Amino acid sequence: MNDIKDIIIACKTNNPIAQEKLYKHFFALMFTICKEYSDNEQTIVSLINEGFLKIFMNIRTFEFSKGNFEGWAKRIMTNTAIDHYRSEKSKNKIVELNEDHSVEKELQQNLPDHVEEEVLYLIKNMPAVTQKVFSLHIFKGYSHKEISGMLDIAESTSRWHVAEARKNLREQAHKIL
C-alpha cells in the first residue's frame, strides 16, 4: 500500500493504517497551510487534526474522476483553518497579503483603526472573478495552474486578475493612508 491512490481507497474503508499513512504523507503540507492562520504550534496541530478528521469523515465522497485528492484535502484544511481564524479574529489584526509587495508594507506601518475594514471592503468590492482569483491565490495559496483548473480560466487570466487586484489595492491604499 505505497501508492497514494491505494492509500486513499483503503481510507475509504476506515483502514487505520492507511489513515495514518495519509496523515503522515500530507502532514507537512497541511502544517504549512495552517501556519498561515496561527503562530501557535499547538493550535496548528489541533487545526491539522480537526481538518484530517473532516477529511476522513468525508473521504468516501471524494471521486478521483472529479479532481485530484491533494486539492480536495487542501480545500478542507484551508476552510478548517479559516473557520478557526475567523473565530479568533475579533481582535485588531490586519490581513497580510504578501510580504514582497509595497501595499502590504504600507498597510503595516502606523495603521489607522479603520484600515482593516477598508481593505476588506475594497476586496469585497472587486469584480466577482477578480475577488475569487485574488482570494484563492493570496489567502488560500493556490497556484495559478490550480486556480485555472478550478475556475476553468487560462493561467494567464488568473495572473491578470491577481495583478489587477494588487494594482487596485495599491491605488486605494494611498487614498486611505
Protein backbone atom coordinates (compact mmCIF):
# COMPACT_ATOMS: atom_id res chain seq x y z
CA MET A 1 0.00 0.00 0.00
CA ASN A 2 2.58 2.57 -1.11
CA ASP A 3 0.73 4.31 -3.90
CA ILE A 4 -1.26 7.30 -2.64
CA LYS A 5 -4.31 6.21 -4.63
CA ASP A 6 -4.27 2.82 -2.88
CA ILE A 7 -3.94 4.56 0.48
CA ILE A 8 -6.94 6.78 -0.28
CA ILE A 9 -9.01 3.78 -1.38
CA ALA A 10 -8.09 1.98 1.86
CA CYS A 11 -9.01 5.11 3.86
CA LYS A 12 -12.49 4.92 2.34
CA THR A 13 -12.89 1.64 4.27
CA ASN A 14 -11.72 3.30 7.53
CA ASN A 15 -8.43 1.39 7.48
CA PRO A 16 -6.44 2.92 10.39
CA ILE A 17 -3.05 2.01 8.89
CA ALA A 18 -3.98 3.76 5.64
CA GLN A 19 -5.30 6.76 7.59
CA GLU A 20 -2.00 7.04 9.45
CA LYS A 21 -0.05 6.83 6.18
CA LEU A 22 -2.24 9.51 4.60
CA TYR A 23 -1.86 11.74 7.66
CA LYS A 24 1.94 11.38 7.61
CA HIS A 25 2.11 11.87 3.84
CA PHE A 26 0.24 15.19 3.91
CA PHE A 27 1.21 16.47 7.38
CA ALA A 28 3.93 18.91 6.20
CA LEU A 29 1.68 20.40 3.51
CA MET A 30 -1.21 20.81 5.94
CA PHE A 31 1.13 22.29 8.55
CA THR A 32 2.16 24.94 6.02
CA ILE A 33 -1.47 25.78 5.26
CA CYS A 34 -2.46 26.04 8.94
CA LYS A 35 0.65 28.04 9.82
CA GLU A 36 -0.76 30.87 7.71
CA TYR A 37 -3.63 31.20 10.17
CA SER A 38 -1.88 30.69 13.51
CA ASP A 39 1.58 31.12 15.03
CA ASN A 40 0.88 28.76 17.92
CA GLU A 41 2.21 25.27 17.19
CA GLN A 42 -0.39 23.57 19.42
CA THR A 43 -3.17 25.39 17.59
CA ILE A 44 -1.66 24.41 14.24
CA VAL A 45 -1.55 20.73 15.20
CA SER A 46 -5.09 20.99 16.54
CA LEU A 47 -6.24 22.50 13.23
CA ILE A 48 -4.47 19.74 11.30
CA ASN A 49 -6.17 17.09 13.42
CA GLU A 50 -9.56 18.75 13.02
CA GLY A 51 -9.01 19.05 9.27
CA PHE A 52 -7.97 15.41 8.93
CA LEU A 53 -11.00 14.34 10.93
CA LYS A 54 -13.15 16.14 8.35
CA ILE A 55 -11.12 14.58 5.52
CA PHE A 56 -11.57 11.07 6.92
CA MET A 57 -15.27 11.64 7.61
CA ASN A 58 -15.84 12.80 4.02
CA ILE A 59 -13.26 10.76 2.10
CA ARG A 60 -15.97 8.43 0.77
CA THR A 61 -17.38 11.36 -1.19
CA PHE A 62 -14.07 12.02 -2.96
CA GLU A 63 -14.04 10.83 -6.56
CA PHE A 64 -10.78 10.52 -8.47
CA SER A 65 -12.58 11.35 -11.72
CA LYS A 66 -13.66 14.77 -10.43
CA GLY A 67 -10.30 16.18 -9.31
CA ASN A 68 -7.08 15.49 -7.50
CA PHE A 69 -7.09 14.45 -3.87
CA GLU A 70 -4.44 16.93 -2.76
CA GLY A 71 -6.51 19.90 -3.92
CA TRP A 72 -9.63 18.46 -2.29
CA ALA A 73 -7.81 17.88 1.02
CA LYS A 74 -6.14 21.34 0.89
CA ARG A 75 -9.54 22.94 0.45
CA ILE A 76 -10.91 21.15 3.53
CA MET A 77 -7.83 22.07 5.58
CA THR A 78 -7.92 25.69 4.40
CA ASN A 79 -11.58 26.03 5.27
CA THR A 80 -10.95 24.50 8.71
CA ALA A 81 -8.13 26.97 9.34
CA ILE A 82 -10.17 29.92 8.03
CA ASP A 83 -13.08 29.00 10.29
CA HIS A 84 -10.73 28.98 13.26
CA TYR A 85 -9.08 32.23 12.17
CA ARG A 86 -12.43 33.95 11.84
CA SER A 87 -13.47 32.83 15.31
CA GLU A 88 -10.21 34.20 16.74
CA LYS A 89 -10.13 37.34 14.61
CA SER A 90 -12.29 39.55 16.79
CA LYS A 91 -9.16 41.45 17.82
CA ASN A 92 -7.47 44.10 15.66
CA LYS A 93 -5.49 42.14 13.11
CA ILE A 94 -4.66 43.14 9.57
CA VAL A 95 -4.81 40.61 6.77
CA GLU A 96 -1.33 40.08 5.37
CA LEU A 97 -1.47 39.95 1.61
CA ASN A 98 2.06 39.01 0.60
CA GLU A 99 5.36 40.20 2.07
CA ASP A 100 7.06 41.24 -1.14
CA HIS A 101 4.58 43.90 -2.26
CA SER A 102 4.63 47.57 -1.29
CA VAL A 103 0.91 47.83 -0.49
CA GLU A 104 1.33 45.37 2.37
CA LYS A 105 4.31 47.28 3.78
CA GLU A 106 2.32 50.50 3.68
CA LEU A 107 -0.62 48.86 5.43
CA GLN A 108 1.59 47.52 8.22
CA GLN A 109 3.07 50.89 9.16
CA ASN A 110 1.14 53.15 11.56
CA LEU A 111 -2.26 51.78 10.69
CA PRO A 112 -5.32 53.85 11.46
CA ASP A 113 -8.07 51.87 13.23
CA HIS A 114 -10.26 51.66 10.12
CA VAL A 115 -7.68 50.23 7.68
CA GLU A 116 -8.50 46.54 8.07
CA GLU A 117 -12.15 47.19 7.38
CA GLU A 118 -11.23 49.38 4.41
CA VAL A 119 -9.01 46.69 2.86
CA LEU A 120 -11.66 44.01 3.31
CA TYR A 121 -14.25 46.42 1.88
CA LEU A 122 -12.03 47.07 -1.16
CA ILE A 123 -11.53 43.36 -1.75
CA LYS A 124 -15.26 42.67 -1.43
CA ASN A 125 -15.99 45.39 -3.99
CA MET A 126 -13.72 43.97 -6.67
CA PRO A 127 -15.39 42.26 -9.62
CA ALA A 128 -16.50 38.77 -8.55
CA VAL A 129 -13.95 36.82 -10.62
CA THR A 130 -11.07 39.11 -9.62
CA GLN A 131 -12.05 38.81 -5.97
CA LYS A 132 -12.29 35.00 -6.22
CA VAL A 133 -8.95 34.59 -8.02
CA PHE A 134 -7.21 37.03 -5.67
CA SER A 135 -8.58 35.27 -2.57
CA LEU A 136 -7.67 31.82 -3.85
CA HIS A 137 -4.13 32.88 -4.74
CA ILE A 138 -3.24 35.25 -1.89
CA PHE A 139 -5.25 33.96 1.06
CA LYS A 140 -5.53 30.26 0.25
CA GLY A 141 -2.20 29.78 -1.52
CA TYR A 142 -3.42 28.13 -4.70
CA SER A 143 -1.15 28.34 -7.74
CA HIS A 144 -2.35 29.96 -10.94
CA LYS A 145 -2.45 26.50 -12.51
CA GLU A 146 -4.73 25.19 -9.72
CA ILE A 147 -6.97 28.26 -9.99
CA SER A 148 -7.09 27.82 -13.75
CA GLY A 149 -8.44 24.30 -13.29
CA MET A 150 -10.87 25.26 -10.53
CA LEU A 151 -12.42 28.22 -12.35
CA ASP A 152 -11.94 26.98 -15.92
CA ILE A 153 -9.90 30.03 -16.95
CA ALA A 154 -6.44 30.37 -18.51
CA GLU A 155 -3.44 30.63 -16.19
CA SER A 156 -2.62 34.00 -17.76
CA THR A 157 -6.13 35.19 -16.90
CA SER A 158 -5.58 34.14 -13.29
CA ARG A 159 -2.30 36.09 -13.18
CA TRP A 160 -4.03 39.14 -14.69
CA HIS A 161 -6.79 39.10 -12.05
CA VAL A 162 -4.23 38.96 -9.21
CA ALA A 163 -2.16 41.75 -10.75
CA GLU A 164 -5.29 43.85 -11.29
CA ALA A 165 -6.40 43.33 -7.68
CA ARG A 166 -2.97 44.29 -6.33
CA LYS A 167 -2.88 47.38 -8.54
CA ASN A 168 -6.33 48.39 -7.32
CA LEU A 169 -5.40 47.82 -3.66
CA ARG A 170 -2.17 49.80 -4.10
CA GLU A 171 -4.07 52.75 -5.59
CA GLN A 172 -6.75 52.63 -2.91
CA ALA A 173 -4.21 52.20 -0.08
CA HIS A 174 -2.69 55.56 -0.95
CA LYS A 175 -6.11 57.16 -0.55
CA ILE A 176 -6.89 55.66 2.86
CA LEU A 177 -3.45 56.12 4.39
